[in-house]
Protein backbone atom coordinates (compact mmCIF):
# COMPACT_ATOMS: atom_id res chain seq x y z
CA MET A 1 15.11 -45.49 56.62
CA THR A 2 12.72 -42.83 57.82
CA ASN A 3 9.18 -42.97 56.53
CA GLU A 4 9.52 -39.45 55.11
CA VAL A 5 12.54 -40.35 52.98
CA ARG A 6 10.90 -43.62 51.91
CA LYS A 7 7.77 -41.69 50.88
CA ILE A 8 9.70 -39.05 48.94
CA LEU A 9 11.82 -41.63 47.10
CA ALA A 10 8.72 -43.69 46.24
CA GLU A 11 7.05 -40.57 44.82
CA LEU A 12 10.16 -39.62 42.85
CA ARG A 13 10.50 -43.14 41.43
CA GLN A 14 6.84 -43.16 40.39
CA ASP A 15 7.33 -39.78 38.73
CA HIS A 16 10.28 -41.28 36.82
CA LYS A 17 8.12 -44.17 35.59
CA ASN A 18 5.45 -41.72 34.45
CA MET A 19 8.00 -39.48 32.74
CA THR A 20 9.59 -42.49 31.02
CA LEU A 21 6.21 -43.37 29.54
CA LEU A 22 5.86 -39.84 28.16
CA LEU A 23 9.44 -39.77 26.89
CA ASN A 24 8.76 -42.99 24.96
CA MET A 25 5.75 -41.33 23.36
CA LEU A 26 7.80 -38.23 22.49
CA GLU A 27 10.50 -40.37 20.93
CA ARG A 28 7.93 -42.21 18.83
CA GLU A 29 6.50 -38.93 17.54
CA ALA A 30 10.01 -37.61 16.78
CA ASN A 31 10.68 -40.74 14.74
CA LEU A 32 7.51 -40.06 12.73
CA ILE A 33 8.77 -36.57 11.98
CA TYR A 34 12.17 -37.98 10.99
CA ASP A 35 10.49 -40.50 8.66
CA ASN A 36 8.52 -37.66 6.99
CA GLU A 37 5.28 -39.00 8.42
CA GLU A 38 2.71 -36.82 10.12
CA PRO A 39 3.18 -36.79 13.90
CA ASP A 40 0.54 -35.86 16.43
CA TYR A 41 1.76 -32.35 17.21
CA GLU A 42 -1.08 -31.85 19.67
CA LEU A 43 0.11 -34.90 21.61
CA ILE A 44 3.67 -33.60 21.63
CA GLN A 45 2.43 -30.23 22.88
CA ASP A 46 0.33 -31.88 25.60
CA ILE A 47 3.32 -33.91 26.77
CA MET A 48 5.60 -30.89 26.83
CA ARG A 49 2.96 -28.79 28.60
CA TYR A 50 2.87 -31.44 31.32
CA MET A 51 6.66 -31.84 31.44
CA THR A 52 7.21 -28.12 31.97
CA LEU A 53 4.29 -27.84 34.41
CA TYR A 54 4.95 -30.75 36.75
CA PRO A 55 8.46 -32.30 36.48
CA ASP A 56 10.20 -28.95 36.01
CA ALA A 57 8.14 -27.08 38.61
CA VAL A 58 7.50 -29.75 41.26
CA HIS A 59 9.50 -32.97 40.78
CA HIS A 60 12.93 -31.41 40.20
CA PRO A 61 12.63 -28.84 43.03
CA LYS A 62 11.66 -31.70 45.36
CA GLU A 63 14.80 -33.59 44.33
CA ASP A 64 16.90 -30.44 44.74
CA ARG A 65 15.71 -30.05 48.33
CA LEU A 66 16.29 -33.71 49.15
CA TYR A 67 19.82 -33.63 47.73
CA ALA A 68 20.60 -30.36 49.56
CA GLU A 69 19.61 -32.00 52.85
CA VAL A 70 21.76 -35.05 52.13
CA LYS A 71 24.68 -32.81 51.24
CA ALA A 72 24.30 -30.78 54.44
CA ALA A 73 24.05 -33.85 56.66
CA ARG A 74 26.54 -36.13 54.88
CA PRO A 75 28.94 -34.29 52.58
CA ASP A 76 30.82 -37.58 52.12
CA LEU A 77 27.80 -38.97 50.24
CA SER A 78 27.21 -35.91 48.09
CA ALA A 79 29.84 -36.17 45.35
CA GLY A 80 28.27 -34.91 42.13
CA PHE A 81 25.34 -33.23 43.84
CA ASP A 82 26.60 -29.83 42.70
CA ARG A 83 25.62 -30.58 39.12
CA ILE A 84 22.05 -31.66 39.90
CA THR A 85 20.52 -28.19 39.95
CA LEU A 86 22.40 -27.35 36.75
CA ASP A 87 21.09 -30.54 35.13
CA HIS A 88 17.54 -29.67 36.17
CA ARG A 89 17.93 -26.15 34.81
CA GLY A 90 19.33 -27.50 31.51
CA ILE A 91 16.46 -29.99 31.18
CA ALA A 92 13.96 -27.18 31.77
CA GLU A 93 15.66 -25.02 29.12
CA LEU A 94 15.53 -27.86 26.59
CA GLY A 95 11.86 -28.43 27.41
CA ASN A 96 10.99 -24.76 27.07
CA ARG A 97 12.83 -24.53 23.74
CA LEU A 98 10.87 -27.51 22.43
CA ARG A 99 7.58 -26.04 23.68
CA ASP A 100 8.40 -22.76 21.93
CA GLU A 101 9.13 -24.61 18.67
CA LEU A 102 5.84 -26.50 18.90
CA GLU A 103 3.91 -23.31 19.57
CA ALA A 104 5.63 -21.69 16.56
CA ILE A 105 4.62 -24.65 14.36
CA GLU A 106 1.04 -24.39 15.61
CA SER A 107 0.96 -20.69 14.74
CA GLY A 108 2.14 -21.43 11.21
CA SER A 109 5.83 -20.59 11.51
CA PHE A 110 8.37 -22.63 9.62
CA ILE A 111 10.58 -24.80 11.80
CA ARG A 112 12.89 -27.32 10.17
CA ARG A 113 11.90 -30.93 10.79
CA LYS A 114 15.45 -31.85 11.73
CA THR A 115 15.44 -29.06 14.34
CA VAL A 116 12.28 -30.42 15.99
CA VAL A 117 13.55 -34.01 15.79
CA GLY A 118 16.97 -33.06 17.16
CA ASP A 119 15.57 -30.99 20.01
CA THR A 120 13.00 -33.64 20.90
CA LEU A 121 15.55 -36.43 20.98
CA ARG A 122 18.05 -34.26 22.86
CA TYR A 123 15.38 -33.56 25.49
CA VAL A 124 14.33 -37.23 25.70
CA ASN A 125 17.89 -38.55 26.00
CA THR A 126 19.05 -35.88 28.44
CA LEU A 127 16.14 -36.52 30.78
CA ARG A 128 16.45 -40.32 30.47
CA ASN A 129 20.16 -40.22 31.29
CA HIS A 130 19.55 -37.89 34.20
CA MET A 131 16.82 -40.10 35.68
CA GLN A 132 18.99 -43.18 35.28
CA TRP A 133 21.81 -41.48 37.17
CA GLU A 134 19.40 -40.56 39.95
CA GLU A 135 17.89 -44.03 40.16
CA LEU A 136 21.18 -45.93 40.11
CA ASP A 137 23.29 -43.58 42.20
CA LEU A 138 21.71 -40.60 43.89
CA PHE A 139 18.59 -42.28 45.28
CA ARG A 140 20.74 -45.09 46.66
CA ARG A 141 22.92 -42.58 48.47
CA CYS A 142 19.82 -40.99 49.99
CA GLU A 143 18.66 -44.42 51.13
CA GLU A 144 22.10 -45.21 52.56
CA MET A 145 22.14 -42.02 54.54
CA ALA A 146 18.63 -42.41 55.85
CA GLY A 147 19.29 -46.06 56.67
CA SER A 148 22.40 -45.23 58.67
CA GLY A 149 20.46 -43.36 61.32
CA HIS A 150 20.97 -39.83 60.05
CA ASP A 151 17.87 -37.73 60.34
CA LEU A 152 16.85 -35.63 57.39
CA LEU A 153 14.64 -32.61 57.83
CA VAL A 154 12.98 -33.68 54.60
CA ASP A 155 11.48 -30.34 53.77
CA ALA A 156 11.02 -31.73 50.27
CA LEU A 157 7.64 -32.84 51.60
CA LEU A 158 6.67 -29.16 51.63
CA ILE A 159 6.50 -29.36 47.84
CA ASP A 160 3.34 -31.40 47.87
CA LYS A 161 1.51 -30.39 44.73
CA THR A 162 -0.68 -32.99 43.11
CA ASP A 163 0.47 -34.38 39.79
CA PRO A 164 -2.01 -32.87 37.28
CA LEU A 165 -1.90 -35.93 35.00
CA PHE A 166 -1.05 -38.99 37.08
CA GLY A 167 -2.32 -37.72 40.44
CA ASP A 168 -5.68 -38.10 42.13
CA LYS A 169 -7.24 -35.09 40.42
CA LEU A 170 -6.76 -34.85 36.66
CA GLN A 171 -6.60 -31.31 35.34
CA GLY A 172 -8.91 -30.91 32.35
CA GLN A 173 -6.12 -29.74 30.08
CA PHE A 174 -4.67 -33.26 30.24
CA ASP A 175 -7.84 -35.27 29.40
CA ARG A 176 -6.71 -36.05 25.86
CA LEU A 177 -3.20 -36.95 26.96
CA LEU A 178 -4.48 -39.36 29.62
CA LYS A 179 -6.74 -41.06 27.05
CA THR A 180 -3.77 -41.43 24.69
CA ILE A 181 -1.64 -42.90 27.48
CA LYS A 182 -4.35 -45.40 28.45
CA LYS A 183 -4.78 -46.44 24.82
CA ALA A 184 -1.00 -46.86 24.41
CA LEU A 185 -0.85 -49.01 27.54
CA GLU A 186 -3.75 -51.16 26.36
CA THR A 187 -2.15 -51.77 22.97
CA GLY A 188 1.34 -52.18 24.40
CA SER A 189 2.74 -49.35 22.30
CA SER A 190 4.10 -47.28 25.19
C-alpha cells in the first residue's frame, strides 16, 4: 500500500476514534435529558460546534476525495460509493439541525425535550453506523486497491487542515471541551 493511502487511512481512523468519544458523550447527555435530569447544554454545544467545524468540513470531504479516486481507478471496488456523499450531506444536515436547536435553547426558545433527545440520538446513531460501514468495508476496499499496485493520486492529502480539538494546535474555543474529554478519560466515563 502506498504511504499516502496508509497515511490518509490512519488519519481517518483516528478521526473516527475521536468522533466516537464525542458521540458517546453526546449520547450520555441525551440520556440525561430523557431522564428529566439537567444535561450540560454547553458541552453539547461545544461538541456540535466541533462536529460541524471539523468532521463535516474536513474529514468527510477528505473521504469523498479518496473514494472518488478509488471509484475512478477501480470501479469494480466501488459498489455503494455513490451513497457516501449523500450520507455525509445527511449527517451534516442532522448536525446543523441539532446545533440550531441548541442555539434556540440557549436563547430561551422552547424546544421539546423529546425533540432534542430524538435528534441527538438520530445524529449519534447515523454517524456511528456510517463510520462502522467505512471501517469494515470502504477502508478495506481502499487498502485492497492500494495494495494491489494501483496508484492513487491521493489528492485527499490536499485537505490538510489541523484538527482544532485533537490536533497539534488546540483552538481556544475548544479548551473546555478538551478538559471535559480528559476528565472523562481519566474517570473511565467516556
